[in-house]
Amino acid sequence: MIDASSCVAQGDCAELAPEAFEVSDDLSIVIGEASLEELRAAAEACPTGAITVIDEQTGEQVAP
């Protein structure tokens, strides 16, 4: 999940998990899926903390 109000579209997420994120119109968007390791790395690299990774099965936040 990306908090659009916090996203500055720096693009680290798209570099670390290109199959999951893309920068479009000055906003990073979710375009697909990636491994949990890649998603965690993308969330941790986000300079504004706009990315939250939620476990689909449990609904619990797993990153950042």
N, C-alpha and C. Protein backbone atom coordinates (compact mmCIF):
# COMPACT_ATOMS: atom_id res chain seq x y z
N MET A 1 0.84 -1.16 0.00
CA MET A 1 0.00 0.00 0.00
C MET A 1 0.90 1.24 0.00
N ILE A 2 0.53 2.24 -0.78
CA ILE A 2 1.27 3.49 -0.83
C ILE A 2 0.37 4.63 -0.37
N ASP A 3 0.85 5.40 0.58
CA ASP A 3 0.13 6.58 1.04
C ASP A 3 0.43 7.71 0.05
N ALA A 4 -0.52 8.00 -0.80
CA ALA A 4 -0.32 8.99 -1.87
C ALA A 4 0.01 10.37 -1.32
N SER A 5 -0.49 10.70 -0.15
CA SER A 5 -0.22 12.02 0.41
C SER A 5 1.21 12.16 0.92
N SER A 6 1.89 11.02 1.15
CA SER A 6 3.28 11.04 1.62
C SER A 6 4.29 10.78 0.51
N CYS A 7 3.86 10.18 -0.57
CA CYS A 7 4.76 9.77 -1.65
C CYS A 7 5.34 10.99 -2.37
N VAL A 8 6.66 10.98 -2.57
CA VAL A 8 7.33 12.04 -3.33
C VAL A 8 7.88 11.50 -4.65
N ALA A 9 7.55 10.27 -4.99
CA ALA A 9 7.92 9.64 -6.26
C ALA A 9 9.42 9.65 -6.51
N GLN A 10 10.21 9.39 -5.48
CA GLN A 10 11.66 9.33 -5.64
C GLN A 10 12.06 8.14 -6.50
N GLY A 11 11.30 7.04 -6.43
CA GLY A 11 11.53 5.90 -7.30
C GLY A 11 12.36 4.77 -6.73
N ASP A 12 12.78 4.87 -5.48
CA ASP A 12 13.55 3.77 -4.89
C ASP A 12 12.76 2.47 -4.91
N CYS A 13 11.46 2.56 -4.66
CA CYS A 13 10.63 1.36 -4.65
C CYS A 13 10.63 0.68 -6.03
N ALA A 14 10.53 1.47 -7.08
CA ALA A 14 10.52 0.92 -8.44
C ALA A 14 11.86 0.31 -8.82
N GLU A 15 12.94 0.85 -8.27
CA GLU A 15 14.27 0.28 -8.53
C GLU A 15 14.46 -1.04 -7.79
N LEU A 16 13.97 -1.13 -6.56
CA LEU A 16 14.16 -2.32 -5.74
C LEU A 16 13.16 -3.43 -6.04
N ALA A 17 11.97 -3.07 -6.48
CA ALA A 17 10.93 -4.06 -6.78
C ALA A 17 10.15 -3.61 -8.03
N PRO A 18 10.81 -3.64 -9.19
CA PRO A 18 10.19 -3.12 -10.41
C PRO A 18 8.95 -3.87 -10.86
N GLU A 19 8.79 -5.11 -10.43
CA GLU A 19 7.61 -5.87 -10.79
C GLU A 19 6.40 -5.49 -9.93
N ALA A 20 6.66 -4.74 -8.85
CA ALA A 20 5.59 -4.35 -7.93
C ALA A 20 5.25 -2.86 -7.98
N PHE A 21 6.26 -2.01 -8.30
CA PHE A 21 6.05 -0.57 -8.24
C PHE A 21 6.47 0.12 -9.53
N GLU A 22 5.81 1.23 -9.80
CA GLU A 22 6.14 2.06 -10.96
C GLU A 22 5.87 3.51 -10.57
N VAL A 23 6.71 4.42 -11.09
CA VAL A 23 6.47 5.84 -10.86
C VAL A 23 5.70 6.37 -12.06
N SER A 24 4.53 6.95 -11.77
CA SER A 24 3.65 7.45 -12.82
C SER A 24 3.00 8.75 -12.36
N ASP A 25 3.10 9.78 -13.17
CA ASP A 25 2.48 11.07 -12.84
C ASP A 25 2.88 11.57 -11.46
N ASP A 26 4.17 11.56 -11.16
CA ASP A 26 4.70 12.05 -9.89
C ASP A 26 4.17 11.32 -8.67
N LEU A 27 3.87 10.03 -8.85
CA LEU A 27 3.39 9.20 -7.76
C LEU A 27 3.81 7.76 -8.01
N SER A 28 4.28 7.09 -6.99
CA SER A 28 4.57 5.66 -7.12
C SER A 28 3.26 4.90 -6.97
N ILE A 29 3.09 3.89 -7.81
CA ILE A 29 1.87 3.08 -7.76
C ILE A 29 2.22 1.61 -7.72
N VAL A 30 1.33 0.81 -7.18
CA VAL A 30 1.49 -0.64 -7.14
C VAL A 30 0.97 -1.18 -8.46
N ILE A 31 1.84 -1.95 -9.16
CA ILE A 31 1.46 -2.51 -10.46
C ILE A 31 1.43 -4.03 -10.46
N GLY A 32 1.94 -4.65 -9.41
CA GLY A 32 2.00 -6.11 -9.38
C GLY A 32 2.49 -6.61 -8.04
N GLU A 33 3.10 -7.79 -8.07
CA GLU A 33 3.57 -8.43 -6.85
C GLU A 33 5.07 -8.64 -6.88
N ALA A 34 5.65 -8.81 -5.72
CA ALA A 34 7.07 -9.10 -5.58
C ALA A 34 7.24 -9.96 -4.33
N SER A 35 8.46 -10.43 -4.13
CA SER A 35 8.73 -11.23 -2.94
C SER A 35 8.64 -10.34 -1.70
N LEU A 36 8.38 -10.96 -0.57
CA LEU A 36 8.30 -10.21 0.68
C LEU A 36 9.62 -9.49 0.95
N GLU A 37 10.73 -10.13 0.63
CA GLU A 37 12.05 -9.52 0.82
C GLU A 37 12.17 -8.23 -0.01
N GLU A 38 11.74 -8.27 -1.26
CA GLU A 38 11.81 -7.09 -2.12
C GLU A 38 10.87 -5.99 -1.62
N LEU A 39 9.67 -6.38 -1.20
CA LEU A 39 8.71 -5.39 -0.70
C LEU A 39 9.21 -4.73 0.57
N ARG A 40 9.80 -5.51 1.46
CA ARG A 40 10.36 -4.94 2.68
C ARG A 40 11.48 -3.97 2.36
N ALA A 41 12.36 -4.34 1.42
CA ALA A 41 13.46 -3.47 1.03
C ALA A 41 12.93 -2.16 0.45
N ALA A 42 11.90 -2.25 -0.37
CA ALA A 42 11.31 -1.05 -0.96
C ALA A 42 10.69 -0.16 0.11
N ALA A 43 9.98 -0.76 1.06
CA ALA A 43 9.35 0.00 2.13
C ALA A 43 10.39 0.68 3.00
N GLU A 44 11.46 -0.02 3.31
CA GLU A 44 12.52 0.54 4.15
C GLU A 44 13.29 1.63 3.43
N ALA A 45 13.38 1.56 2.10
CA ALA A 45 14.12 2.56 1.32
C ALA A 45 13.31 3.81 1.06
N CYS A 46 12.02 3.75 1.24
CA CYS A 46 11.16 4.90 0.96
C CYS A 46 11.52 6.05 1.90
N PRO A 47 11.94 7.19 1.34
CA PRO A 47 12.40 8.30 2.20
C PRO A 47 11.30 8.94 3.05
N THR A 48 10.06 8.75 2.67
CA THR A 48 8.96 9.35 3.43
C THR A 48 8.13 8.33 4.20
N GLY A 49 8.47 7.05 4.07
CA GLY A 49 7.72 6.02 4.77
C GLY A 49 6.33 5.82 4.21
N ALA A 50 6.16 6.11 2.92
CA ALA A 50 4.83 6.04 2.30
C ALA A 50 4.36 4.61 2.01
N ILE A 51 5.27 3.64 2.08
CA ILE A 51 4.92 2.27 1.73
C ILE A 51 4.69 1.44 2.99
N THR A 52 3.56 0.76 3.02
CA THR A 52 3.24 -0.18 4.08
C THR A 52 2.97 -1.53 3.44
N VAL A 53 3.59 -2.57 3.96
CA VAL A 53 3.39 -3.92 3.44
C VAL A 53 2.49 -4.66 4.42
N ILE A 54 1.37 -5.17 3.91
CA ILE A 54 0.38 -5.87 4.71
C ILE A 54 0.31 -7.33 4.27
N ASP A 55 0.35 -8.27 5.21
CA ASP A 55 0.20 -9.68 4.90
C ASP A 55 -1.24 -9.94 4.48
N GLU A 56 -1.45 -10.44 3.28
CA GLU A 56 -2.79 -10.67 2.76
C GLU A 56 -3.59 -11.67 3.59
N GLN A 57 -2.93 -12.66 4.14
CA GLN A 57 -3.63 -13.70 4.88
C GLN A 57 -4.04 -13.26 6.29
N THR A 58 -3.15 -12.52 6.97
CA THR A 58 -3.42 -12.14 8.35
C THR A 58 -3.93 -10.71 8.50
N GLY A 59 -3.65 -9.87 7.50
CA GLY A 59 -4.01 -8.46 7.59
C GLY A 59 -3.07 -7.66 8.45
N GLU A 60 -1.98 -8.29 8.90
CA GLU A 60 -1.01 -7.61 9.75
C GLU A 60 0.03 -6.87 8.93
N GLN A 61 0.51 -5.76 9.48
CA GLN A 61 1.57 -5.01 8.83
C GLN A 61 2.89 -5.74 9.04
N VAL A 62 3.64 -5.97 7.94
CA VAL A 62 4.92 -6.69 8.04
C VAL A 62 6.10 -5.81 7.68
N ALA A 63 5.86 -4.61 7.17
CA ALA A 63 6.93 -3.66 6.88
C ALA A 63 6.31 -2.30 6.70
N PRO A 64 6.96 -1.26 7.02
CA PRO A 64 8.34 -1.15 7.45
C PRO A 64 8.52 -1.53 8.89
